[in-house]
């Protein structure tokens, strides 16, 4: 599978994490081109995950290198490389099982 080399999936965000905290945290790894915390349109609350797009692949590399230690407001968050849906092999799903060094997530 081919990775989106500048985009990360971030899961397990604490309820206290807003867009500003999200950007502030991931800004330490590189220049952020785009960042979104996914929101529930019905409740107006975030859904506990988001995406970060860096301007360079080095931001993704720096973030995944610290996979075990990512914390926002005292809660561990999961950071995964994104695989665009159109790059997945037949029957492929996200989740990072198999030979990949770091976990991956299917991304839109």
PDB file of N, CA and C in Angstrom:
ATOM      1  N   UNK A   1       0.833  -1.190   0.000  1.00  0.00           N
ATOM      2  CA  UNK A   1       0.000   0.000   0.000  1.00  0.00           C
ATOM      3  C   UNK A   1       0.874   1.248   0.000  1.00  0.00           C
ATOM      4  N   UNK A   2       0.422   2.282  -0.654  1.00  0.00           N
ATOM      5  CA  UNK A   2       1.148   3.541  -0.678  1.00  0.00           C
ATOM      6  C   UNK A   2       0.580   4.473   0.375  1.00  0.00           C
ATOM      7  N   UNK A   3       1.490   5.116   1.095  1.00  0.00           N
ATOM      8  CA  UNK A   3       1.077   6.060   2.123  1.00  0.00           C
ATOM      9  C   UNK A   3       0.888   7.443   1.529  1.00  0.00           C
ATOM     10  N   UNK A   4       0.010   8.215   2.162  1.00  0.00           N
ATOM     11  CA  UNK A   4      -0.018   9.642   1.911  1.00  0.00           C
ATOM     12  C   UNK A   4       1.123  10.157   2.793  1.00  0.00           C
ATOM     13  N   UNK A   5       2.229  10.562   2.194  1.00  0.00           N
ATOM     14  CA  UNK A   5       3.457  10.812   2.942  1.00  0.00           C
ATOM     15  C   UNK A   5       3.419  12.059   3.818  1.00  0.00           C
ATOM     16  N   UNK A   6       2.390  12.889   3.691  1.00  0.00           N
ATOM     17  CA  UNK A   6       2.331  14.108   4.506  1.00  0.00           C
ATOM     18  C   UNK A   6       1.113  14.165   5.428  1.00  0.00           C
ATOM     19  N   UNK A   7       0.333  13.072   5.519  1.00  0.00           N
ATOM     20  CA  UNK A   7      -0.904  13.102   6.293  1.00  0.00           C
ATOM     21  C   UNK A   7      -0.920  12.030   7.374  1.00  0.00           C
ATOM     22  N   UNK A   8      -1.432  12.408   8.551  1.00  0.00           N
ATOM     23  CA  UNK A   8      -1.583  11.507   9.685  1.00  0.00           C
ATOM     24  C   UNK A   8      -3.038  11.396  10.100  1.00  0.00           C
ATOM     25  N   UNK A   9      -3.409  10.210  10.556  1.00  0.00           N
ATOM     26  CA  UNK A   9      -4.658   9.998  11.279  1.00  0.00           C
ATOM     27  C   UNK A   9      -4.311  10.062  12.759  1.00  0.00           C
ATOM     28  N   UNK A  10      -5.135  10.734  13.544  1.00  0.00           N
ATOM     29  CA  UNK A  10      -4.926  10.822  14.991  1.00  0.00           C
ATOM     30  C   UNK A  10      -6.206  10.364  15.680  1.00  0.00           C
ATOM     31  N   UNK A  11      -6.103   9.312  16.469  1.00  0.00           N
ATOM     32  CA  UNK A  11      -7.264   8.762  17.158  1.00  0.00           C
ATOM     33  C   UNK A  11      -7.135   8.856  18.666  1.00  0.00           C
ATOM     34  N   UNK A  12      -8.258   8.731  19.348  1.00  0.00           N
ATOM     35  CA  UNK A  12      -8.274   8.725  20.803  1.00  0.00           C
ATOM     36  C   UNK A  12      -8.129  10.097  21.431  1.00  0.00           C
ATOM     37  N   UNK A  13      -8.546  11.133  20.706  1.00  0.00           N
ATOM     38  CA  UNK A  13      -8.423  12.491  21.246  1.00  0.00           C
ATOM     39  C   UNK A  13      -9.309  12.667  22.473  1.00  0.00           C
ATOM     40  N   UNK A  14      -8.776  13.281  23.530  1.00  0.00           N
ATOM     41  CA  UNK A  14      -9.613  13.528  24.708  1.00  0.00           C
ATOM     42  C   UNK A  14     -10.669  14.579  24.401  1.00  0.00           C
ATOM     43  N   UNK A  15     -11.745  14.573  25.150  1.00  0.00           N
ATOM     44  CA  UNK A  15     -12.842  15.521  24.916  1.00  0.00           C
ATOM     45  C   UNK A  15     -12.398  16.965  25.125  1.00  0.00           C
ATOM     46  N   UNK A  16     -11.300  17.159  25.846  1.00  0.00           N
ATOM     47  CA  UNK A  16     -10.779  18.508  26.116  1.00  0.00           C
ATOM     48  C   UNK A  16      -9.940  19.062  24.966  1.00  0.00           C
ATOM     49  N   UNK A  17      -9.677  18.245  23.959  1.00  0.00           N
ATOM     50  CA  UNK A  17      -8.813  18.672  22.853  1.00  0.00           C
ATOM     51  C   UNK A  17      -9.624  19.417  21.795  1.00  0.00           C
ATOM     52  N   UNK A  18      -9.330  20.691  21.644  1.00  0.00           N
ATOM     53  CA  UNK A  18      -9.971  21.467  20.586  1.00  0.00           C
ATOM     54  C   UNK A  18      -8.981  21.664  19.436  1.00  0.00           C
ATOM     55  N   UNK A  19      -9.412  22.365  18.414  1.00  0.00           N
ATOM     56  CA  UNK A  19      -8.587  22.564  17.220  1.00  0.00           C
ATOM     57  C   UNK A  19      -7.265  23.251  17.557  1.00  0.00           C
ATOM     58  N   UNK A  20      -7.306  24.235  18.442  1.00  0.00           N
ATOM     59  CA  UNK A  20      -6.090  24.971  18.801  1.00  0.00           C
ATOM     60  C   UNK A  20      -5.067  24.072  19.503  1.00  0.00           C
ATOM     61  N   UNK A  21      -5.527  23.242  20.437  1.00  0.00           N
ATOM     62  CA  UNK A  21      -4.618  22.309  21.117  1.00  0.00           C
ATOM     63  C   UNK A  21      -4.046  21.308  20.133  1.00  0.00           C
ATOM     64  N   UNK A  22      -4.881  20.849  19.222  1.00  0.00           N
ATOM     65  CA  UNK A  22      -4.486  19.873  18.200  1.00  0.00           C
ATOM     66  C   UNK A  22      -3.334  20.434  17.358  1.00  0.00           C
ATOM     67  N   UNK A  23      -3.513  21.654  16.873  1.00  0.00           N
ATOM     68  CA  UNK A  23      -2.480  22.298  16.051  1.00  0.00           C
ATOM     69  C   UNK A  23      -1.229  22.585  16.880  1.00  0.00           C
ATOM     70  N   UNK A  24      -1.414  23.060  18.097  1.00  0.00           N
ATOM     71  CA  UNK A  24      -0.269  23.369  18.955  1.00  0.00           C
ATOM     72  C   UNK A  24       0.570  22.120  19.215  1.00  0.00           C
ATOM     73  N   UNK A  25      -0.093  20.987  19.451  1.00  0.00           N
ATOM     74  CA  UNK A  25       0.639  19.756  19.729  1.00  0.00           C
ATOM     75  C   UNK A  25       1.416  19.287  18.496  1.00  0.00           C
ATOM     76  N   UNK A  26       0.758  19.181  17.367  1.00  0.00           N
ATOM     77  CA  UNK A  26       1.410  18.620  16.184  1.00  0.00           C
ATOM     78  C   UNK A  26       2.355  19.595  15.490  1.00  0.00           C
ATOM     79  N   UNK A  27       2.247  20.877  15.795  1.00  0.00           N
ATOM     80  CA  UNK A  27       3.161  21.859  15.234  1.00  0.00           C
ATOM     81  C   UNK A  27       4.605  21.628  15.634  1.00  0.00           C
ATOM     82  N   UNK A  28       4.833  20.900  16.720  1.00  0.00           N
ATOM     83  CA  UNK A  28       6.207  20.612  17.146  1.00  0.00           C
ATOM     84  C   UNK A  28       6.925  19.659  16.187  1.00  0.00           C
ATOM     85  N   UNK A  29       6.177  18.974  15.332  1.00  0.00           N
ATOM     86  CA  UNK A  29       6.783  17.998  14.431  1.00  0.00           C
ATOM     87  C   UNK A  29       7.069  18.551  13.042  1.00  0.00           C
ATOM     88  N   UNK A  30       6.508  19.703  12.716  1.00  0.00           N
ATOM     89  CA  UNK A  30       6.739  20.304  11.406  1.00  0.00           C
ATOM     90  C   UNK A  30       5.666  21.337  11.096  1.00  0.00           C
ATOM     91  N   UNK A  31       5.801  21.947   9.931  1.00  0.00           N
ATOM     92  CA  UNK A  31       4.839  22.956   9.501  1.00  0.00           C
ATOM     93  C   UNK A  31       3.542  22.281   9.072  1.00  0.00           C
ATOM     94  N   UNK A  32       2.436  22.706   9.665  1.00  0.00           N
ATOM     95  CA  UNK A  32       1.129  22.118   9.372  1.00  0.00           C
ATOM     96  C   UNK A  32       0.488  22.862   8.214  1.00  0.00           C
ATOM     97  N   UNK A  33       0.091  22.098   7.209  1.00  0.00           N
ATOM     98  CA  UNK A  33      -0.613  22.651   6.056  1.00  0.00           C
ATOM     99  C   UNK A  33      -2.113  22.682   6.317  1.00  0.00           C
ATOM    100  N   UNK A  34      -2.614  21.621   6.995  1.00  0.00           N
ATOM    101  CA  UNK A  34      -4.036  21.525   7.299  1.00  0.00           C
ATOM    102  C   UNK A  34      -4.206  20.618   8.509  1.00  0.00           C
ATOM    103  N   UNK A  35      -5.200  20.888   9.318  1.00  0.00           N
ATOM    104  CA  UNK A  35      -5.514  20.032  10.459  1.00  0.00           C
ATOM    105  C   UNK A  35      -7.005  20.124  10.716  1.00  0.00           C
ATOM    106  N   UNK A  36      -7.604  18.980  11.007  1.00  0.00           N
ATOM    107  CA  UNK A  36      -9.038  18.965  11.271  1.00  0.00           C
ATOM    108  C   UNK A  36      -9.336  17.960  12.381  1.00  0.00           C
ATOM    109  N   UNK A  37     -10.146  18.395  13.334  1.00  0.00           N
ATOM    110  CA  UNK A  37     -10.708  17.514  14.347  1.00  0.00           C
ATOM    111  C   UNK A  37     -12.120  17.229  13.861  1.00  0.00           C
ATOM    112  N   UNK A  38     -12.437  15.971  13.620  1.00  0.00           N
ATOM    113  CA  UNK A  38     -13.735  15.607  13.049  1.00  0.00           C
ATOM    114  C   UNK A  38     -14.847  15.842  14.065  1.00  0.00           C
ATOM    115  N   UNK A  39     -15.891  16.532  13.607  1.00  0.00           N
ATOM    116  CA  UNK A  39     -16.992  16.926  14.478  1.00  0.00           C
ATOM    117  C   UNK A  39     -18.268  16.144  14.154  1.00  0.00           C
ATOM    118  N   UNK A  40     -19.064  15.911  15.179  1.00  0.00           N
ATOM    119  CA  UNK A  40     -20.393  15.330  15.010  1.00  0.00           C
ATOM    120  C   UNK A  40     -21.345  16.495  14.745  1.00  0.00           C
ATOM    121  N   UNK A  41     -21.957  16.502  13.578  1.00  0.00           N
ATOM    122  CA  UNK A  41     -22.809  17.630  13.206  1.00  0.00           C
ATOM    123  C   UNK A  41     -24.075  17.712  14.047  1.00  0.00           C
ATOM    124  N   UNK A  42     -24.500  16.600  14.601  1.00  0.00           N
ATOM    125  CA  UNK A  42     -25.708  16.592  15.423  1.00  0.00           C
ATOM    126  C   UNK A  42     -25.459  17.195  16.795  1.00  0.00           C
ATOM    127  N   UNK A  43     -24.388  16.744  17.454  1.00  0.00           N
ATOM    128  CA  UNK A  43     -24.134  17.181  18.830  1.00  0.00           C
ATOM    129  C   UNK A  43     -23.205  18.390  18.910  1.00  0.00           C
ATOM    130  N   UNK A  44     -22.439  18.655  17.854  1.00  0.00           N
ATOM    131  CA  UNK A  44     -21.477  19.753  17.880  1.00  0.00           C
ATOM    132  C   UNK A  44     -20.198  19.411  18.631  1.00  0.00           C
ATOM    133  N   UNK A  45     -20.084  18.172  19.101  1.00  0.00           N
ATOM    134  CA  UNK A  45     -18.882  17.722  19.812  1.00  0.00           C
ATOM    135  C   UNK A  45     -17.977  16.973  18.844  1.00  0.00           C
ATOM    136  N   UNK A  46     -16.680  16.941  19.170  1.00  0.00           N
ATOM    137  CA  UNK A  46     -15.797  16.219  18.258  1.00  0.00           C
ATOM    138  C   UNK A  46     -15.930  14.714  18.457  1.00  0.00           C
ATOM    139  N   UNK A  47     -15.522  13.979  17.429  1.00  0.00           N
ATOM    140  CA  UNK A  47     -15.738  12.536  17.394  1.00  0.00           C
ATOM    141  C   UNK A  47     -14.548  11.738  17.922  1.00  0.00           C
ATOM    142  N   UNK A  48     -13.517  12.427  18.425  1.00  0.00           N
ATOM    143  CA  UNK A  48     -12.392  11.719  19.034  1.00  0.00           C
ATOM    144  C   UNK A  48     -11.259  11.399  18.084  1.00  0.00           C
ATOM    145  N   UNK A  49     -11.344  11.910  16.854  1.00  0.00           N
ATOM    146  CA  UNK A  49     -10.237  11.685  15.927  1.00  0.00           C
ATOM    147  C   UNK A  49     -10.108  12.861  14.983  1.00  0.00           C
ATOM    148  N   UNK A  50      -8.980  12.900  14.287  1.00  0.00           N
ATOM    149  CA  UNK A  50      -8.742  13.980  13.343  1.00  0.00           C
ATOM    150  C   UNK A  50      -7.610  13.632  12.400  1.00  0.00           C
ATOM    151  N   UNK A  51      -7.254  14.584  11.566  1.00  0.00           N
ATOM    152  CA  UNK A  51      -6.197  14.402  10.572  1.00  0.00           C
ATOM    153  C   UNK A  51      -5.284  15.615  10.593  1.00  0.00           C
ATOM    154  N   UNK A  52      -4.003  15.369  10.385  1.00  0.00           N
ATOM    155  CA  UNK A  52      -3.017  16.442  10.274  1.00  0.00           C
ATOM    156  C   UNK A  52      -2.279  16.258   8.958  1.00  0.00           C
ATOM    157  N   UNK A  53      -2.189  17.314   8.174  1.00  0.00           N
ATOM    158  CA  UNK A  53      -1.414  17.297   6.938  1.00  0.00           C
ATOM    159  C   UNK A  53      -0.255  18.266   7.111  1.00  0.00           C
ATOM    160  N   UNK A  54       0.951  17.744   6.969  1.00  0.00           N
ATOM    161  CA  UNK A  54       2.156  18.555   7.076  1.00  0.00           C
ATOM    162  C   UNK A  54       2.571  19.041   5.697  1.00  0.00           C
ATOM    163  N   UNK A  55       3.368  20.098   5.656  1.00  0.00           N
ATOM    164  CA  UNK A  55       3.847  20.593   4.368  1.00  0.00           C
ATOM    165  C   UNK A  55       4.968  19.708   3.824  1.00  0.00           C
ATOM    166  N   UNK A  56       5.608  18.927   4.701  1.00  0.00           N
ATOM    167  CA  UNK A  56       6.673  18.020   4.267  1.00  0.00           C
ATOM    168  C   UNK A  56       6.544  16.681   4.980  1.00  0.00           C
ATOM    169  N   UNK A  57       7.040  15.615   4.332  1.00  0.00           N
ATOM    170  CA  UNK A  57       6.963  14.265   4.888  1.00  0.00           C
ATOM    171  C   UNK A  57       7.729  14.132   6.201  1.00  0.00           C
ATOM    172  N   UNK A  58       8.702  14.995   6.432  1.00  0.00           N
ATOM    173  CA  UNK A  58       9.493  14.906   7.666  1.00  0.00           C
ATOM    174  C   UNK A  58       8.620  15.099   8.913  1.00  0.00           C
ATOM    175  N   UNK A  59       7.521  15.846   8.805  1.00  0.00           N
ATOM    176  CA  UNK A  59       6.604  16.010   9.927  1.00  0.00           C
ATOM    177  C   UNK A  59       5.941  14.701  10.311  1.00  0.00           C
ATOM    178  N   UNK A  60       5.514  13.941   9.307  1.00  0.00           N
ATOM    179  CA  UNK A  60       4.918  12.622   9.543  1.00  0.00           C
ATOM    180  C   UNK A  60       5.953  11.687  10.153  1.00  0.00           C
ATOM    181  N   UNK A  61       7.150  11.686   9.584  1.00  0.00           N
ATOM    182  CA  UNK A  61       8.214  10.801  10.088  1.00  0.00           C
ATOM    183  C   UNK A  61       8.528  11.100  11.551  1.00  0.00           C
ATOM    184  N   UNK A  62       8.626  12.388  11.890  1.00  0.00           N
ATOM    185  CA  UNK A  62       8.925  12.774  13.273  1.00  0.00           C
ATOM    186  C   UNK A  62       7.806  12.343  14.221  1.00  0.00           C
ATOM    187  N   UNK A  63       6.563  12.492  13.785  1.00  0.00           N
ATOM    188  CA  UNK A  63       5.424  12.133  14.640  1.00  0.00           C
ATOM    189  C   UNK A  63       5.317  10.626  14.839  1.00  0.00           C
ATOM    190  N   UNK A  64       5.438   9.829  13.775  1.00  0.00           N
ATOM    191  CA  UNK A  64       5.295   8.377  13.935  1.00  0.00           C
ATOM    192  C   UNK A  64       6.476   7.776  14.691  1.00  0.00           C
ATOM    193  N   UNK A  65       7.609   8.445  14.669  1.00  0.00           N
ATOM    194  CA  UNK A  65       8.779   7.951  15.406  1.00  0.00           C
ATOM    195  C   UNK A  65       8.531   7.980  16.916  1.00  0.00           C
ATOM    196  N   UNK A  66       7.585   8.801  17.361  1.00  0.00           N
ATOM    197  CA  UNK A  66       7.272   8.909  18.789  1.00  0.00           C
ATOM    198  C   UNK A  66       5.915   8.289  19.112  1.00  0.00           C
ATOM    199  N   UNK A  67       5.531   7.268  18.368  1.00  0.00           N
ATOM    200  CA  UNK A  67       4.213   6.628  18.470  1.00  0.00           C
ATOM    201  C   UNK A  67       3.794   6.341  19.916  1.00  0.00           C
ATOM    202  N   UNK A  68       4.687   5.812  20.724  1.00  0.00           N
ATOM    203  CA  UNK A  68       4.338   5.363  22.076  1.00  0.00           C
ATOM    204  C   UNK A  68       4.106   6.503  23.061  1.00  0.00           C
ATOM    205  N   UNK A  69       4.578   7.709  22.739  1.00  0.00           N
ATOM    206  CA  UNK A  69       4.603   8.766  23.754  1.00  0.00           C
ATOM    207  C   UNK A  69       3.655   9.934  23.500  1.00  0.00           C
ATOM    208  N   UNK A  70       2.803   9.861  22.501  1.00  0.00           N
ATOM    209  CA  UNK A  70       1.907  10.986  22.204  1.00  0.00           C
ATOM    210  C   UNK A  70       0.826  11.132  23.274  1.00  0.00           C
ATOM    211  N   UNK A  71       0.764  12.322  23.879  1.00  0.00           N
ATOM    212  CA  UNK A  71      -0.239  12.599  24.916  1.00  0.00           C
ATOM    213  C   UNK A  71      -0.783  14.011  24.720  1.00  0.00           C
ATOM    214  N   UNK A  72      -2.095  14.144  24.814  1.00  0.00           N
ATOM    215  CA  UNK A  72      -2.738  15.457  24.873  1.00  0.00           C
ATOM    216  C   UNK A  72      -3.615  15.457  26.116  1.00  0.00           C
ATOM    217  N   UNK A  73      -3.411  16.444  26.966  1.00  0.00           N
ATOM    218  CA  UNK A  73      -4.153  16.560  28.231  1.00  0.00           C
ATOM    219  C   UNK A  73      -4.111  15.271  29.043  1.00  0.00           C
ATOM    220  N   UNK A  74      -2.944  14.637  29.082  1.00  0.00           N
ATOM    221  CA  UNK A  74      -2.747  13.440  29.895  1.00  0.00           C
ATOM    222  C   UNK A  74      -3.306  12.159  29.313  1.00  0.00           C
ATOM    223  N   UNK A  75      -3.826  12.195  28.090  1.00  0.00           N
ATOM    224  CA  UNK A  75      -4.388  11.000  27.460  1.00  0.00           C
ATOM    225  C   UNK A  75      -3.545  10.612  26.248  1.00  0.00           C
ATOM    226  N   UNK A  76      -3.182   9.323  26.180  1.00  0.00           N
ATOM    227  CA  UNK A  76      -2.416   8.833  25.038  1.00  0.00           C
ATOM    228  C   UNK A  76      -3.286   8.899  23.786  1.00  0.00           C
ATOM    229  N   UNK A  77      -2.704   9.381  22.704  1.00  0.00           N
ATOM    230  CA  UNK A  77      -3.402   9.434  21.422  1.00  0.00           C
ATOM    231  C   UNK A  77      -2.653   8.571  20.426  1.00  0.00           C
ATOM    232  N   UNK A  78      -3.387   7.964  19.510  1.00  0.00           N
ATOM    233  CA  UNK A  78      -2.784   7.091  18.515  1.00  0.00           C
ATOM    234  C   UNK A  78      -2.565   7.853  17.216  1.00  0.00           C
ATOM    235  N   UNK A  79      -1.331   7.788  16.730  1.00  0.00           N
ATOM    236  CA  UNK A  79      -0.946   8.481  15.506  1.00  0.00           C
ATOM    237  C   UNK A  79      -0.590   7.432  14.465  1.00  0.00           C
ATOM    238  N   UNK A  80      -1.257   7.499  13.304  1.00  0.00           N
ATOM    239  CA  UNK A  80      -1.033   6.510  12.238  1.00  0.00           C
ATOM    240  C   UNK A  80      -0.804   7.215  10.911  1.00  0.00           C
ATOM    241  N   UNK A  81      -0.006   6.595  10.064  1.00  0.00           N
ATOM    242  CA  UNK A  81       0.142   7.073   8.690  1.00  0.00           C
ATOM    243  C   UNK A  81      -1.172   6.857   7.959  1.00  0.00           C
ATOM    244  N   UNK A  82      -1.466   7.712   7.003  1.00  0.00           N
ATOM    245  CA  UNK A  82      -2.681   7.565   6.202  1.00  0.00           C
ATOM    246  C   UNK A  82      -2.377   6.841   4.897  1.00  0.00           C
ATOM    247  N   UNK A  83      -3.281   5.940   4.540  1.00  0.00           N
ATOM    248  CA  UNK A  83      -3.242   5.312   3.222  1.00  0.00           C
ATOM    249  C   UNK A  83      -4.492   5.776   2.490  1.00  0.00           C
ATOM    250  N   UNK A  84      -4.331   6.508   1.371  1.00  0.00           N
ATOM    251  CA  UNK A  84      -5.525   6.941   0.626  1.00  0.00           C
ATOM    252  C   UNK A  84      -6.352   5.734   0.200  1.00  0.00           C
ATOM    253  N   UNK A  85      -7.679   5.872   0.217  1.00  0.00           N
ATOM    254  CA  UNK A  85      -8.571   4.763  -0.132  1.00  0.00           C
ATOM    255  C   UNK A  85      -8.257   4.179  -1.496  1.00  0.00           C
ATOM    256  N   UNK A  86      -7.894   5.027  -2.456  1.00  0.00           N
ATOM    257  CA  UNK A  86      -7.658   4.525  -3.808  1.00  0.00           C
ATOM    258  C   UNK A  86      -6.317   3.815  -3.950  1.00  0.00           C
ATOM    259  N   UNK A  87      -5.506   3.786  -2.892  1.00  0.00           N
ATOM    260  CA  UNK A  87      -4.204   3.116  -2.942  1.00  0.00           C
ATOM    261  C   UNK A  87      -4.207   1.776  -2.217  1.00  0.00           C
ATOM    262  N   UNK A  88      -5.325   1.431  -1.590  1.00  0.00           N
ATOM    263  CA  UNK A  88      -5.397   0.164  -0.865  1.00  0.00           C
ATOM    264  C   UNK A  88      -5.478  -0.993  -1.851  1.00  0.00           C
ATOM    265  N   UNK A  89      -4.846  -2.088  -1.499  1.00  0.00           N
ATOM    266  CA  UNK A  89      -4.927  -3.292  -2.321  1.00  0.00           C
ATOM    267  C   UNK A  89      -6.287  -3.934  -2.178  1.00  0.00           C
ATOM    268  N   UNK A  90      -6.561  -4.988  -2.951  1.00  0.00           N
ATOM    269  CA  UNK A  90      -7.855  -5.670  -2.874  1.00  0.00           C
ATOM    270  C   UNK A  90      -8.121  -6.199  -1.463  1.00  0.00           C
ATOM    271  N   UNK A  91      -9.294  -5.898  -0.946  1.00  0.00           N
ATOM    272  CA  UNK A  91      -9.681  -6.396   0.365  1.00  0.00           C
ATOM    273  C   UNK A  91      -8.962  -5.727   1.515  1.00  0.00           C
ATOM    274  N   UNK A  92      -8.181  -4.692   1.244  1.00  0.00           N
ATOM    275  CA  UNK A  92      -7.376  -4.060   2.285  1.00  0.00           C
ATOM    276  C   UNK A  92      -8.208  -3.214   3.222  1.00  0.00           C
ATOM    277  N   UNK A  93      -7.788  -3.172   4.455  1.00  0.00           N
ATOM    278  CA  UNK A  93      -8.417  -2.321   5.458  1.00  0.00           C
ATOM    279  C   UNK A  93      -7.301  -1.643   6.237  1.00  0.00           C
ATOM    280  N   UNK A  94      -7.632  -0.578   6.954  1.00  0.00           N
ATOM    281  CA  UNK A  94      -6.640   0.083   7.801  1.00  0.00           C
ATOM    282  C   UNK A  94      -6.317  -0.796   8.985  1.00  0.00           C
ATOM    283  N   UNK A  95      -5.460  -0.323   9.861  1.00  0.00           N
ATOM    284  CA  UNK A  95      -5.217  -1.054  11.087  1.00  0.00           C
ATOM    285  C   UNK A  95      -3.794  -1.493  11.275  1.00  0.00           C
ATOM    286  N   UNK A  96      -3.012  -1.560  10.211  1.00  0.00           N
ATOM    287  CA  UNK A  96      -1.589  -1.774  10.349  1.00  0.00           C
ATOM    288  C   UNK A  96      -1.141  -3.173  10.696  1.00  0.00           C
ATOM    289  N   UNK A  97      -1.914  -4.189  10.437  1.00  0.00           N
ATOM    290  CA  UNK A  97      -1.464  -5.548  10.682  1.00  0.00           C
ATOM    291  C   UNK A  97      -0.474  -5.939   9.588  1.00  0.00           C
ATOM    292  N   UNK A  98       0.431  -6.832   9.909  1.00  0.00           N
ATOM    293  CA  UNK A  98       1.334  -7.310   8.870  1.00  0.00           C
ATOM    294  C   UNK A  98       2.721  -6.735   8.986  1.00  0.00           C
ATOM    295  N   UNK A  99       3.344  -6.505   7.832  1.00  0.00           N
ATOM    296  CA  UNK A  99       4.765  -6.207   7.800  1.00  0.00           C
ATOM    297  C   UNK A  99       5.123  -4.743   7.971  1.00  0.00           C
ATOM    298  N   UNK A 100       4.146  -3.855   8.105  1.00  0.00           N
ATOM    299  CA  UNK A 100       4.462  -2.432   8.214  1.00  0.00           C
ATOM    300  C   UNK A 100       5.029  -2.115   9.589  1.00  0.00           C
ATOM    301  N   UNK A 101       6.053  -1.278   9.610  1.00  0.00           N
ATOM    302  CA  UNK A 101       6.714  -0.925  10.856  1.00  0.00           C
ATOM    303  C   UNK A 101       5.800  -0.119  11.775  1.00  0.00           C
ATOM    304  N   UNK A 102       5.026   0.774  11.213  1.00  0.00           N
ATOM    305  CA  UNK A 102       4.113   1.601  12.003  1.00  0.00           C
ATOM    306  C   UNK A 102       2.689   1.318  11.567  1.00  0.00           C
ATOM    307  N   UNK A 103       1.770   1.581  12.443  1.00  0.00           N
ATOM    308  CA  UNK A 103       0.364   1.367  12.131  1.00  0.00           C
ATOM    309  C   UNK A 103      -0.089   2.320  11.033  1.00  0.00           C
ATOM    310  N   UNK A 104      -1.106   1.889  10.312  1.00  0.00           N
ATOM    311  CA  UNK A 104      -1.650   2.696   9.218  1.00  0.00           C
ATOM    312  C   UNK A 104      -3.150   2.817   9.386  1.00  0.00           C
ATOM    313  N   UNK A 105      -3.711   3.796   8.707  1.00  0.00           N
ATOM    314  CA  UNK A 105      -5.156   4.030   8.760  1.00  0.00           C
ATOM    315  C   UNK A 105      -5.623   4.414   7.374  1.00  0.00           C
ATOM    316  N   UNK A 106      -6.709   3.809   6.942  1.00  0.00           N
ATOM    317  CA  UNK A 106      -7.319   4.178   5.672  1.00  0.00           C
ATOM    318  C   UNK A 106      -7.867   5.592   5.798  1.00  0.00           C
ATOM    319  N   UNK A 107      -7.531   6.460   4.864  1.00  0.00           N
ATOM    320  CA  UNK A 107      -7.938   7.868   4.920  1.00  0.00           C
ATOM    321  C   UNK A 107      -8.609   8.290   3.635  1.00  0.00           C
ATOM    322  N   UNK A 108      -9.460   9.282   3.753  1.00  0.00           N
ATOM    323  CA  UNK A 108     -10.142   9.827   2.592  1.00  0.00           C
ATOM    324  C   UNK A 108      -9.390  11.006   2.050  1.00  0.00           C
TER     325      UNK A 108
END
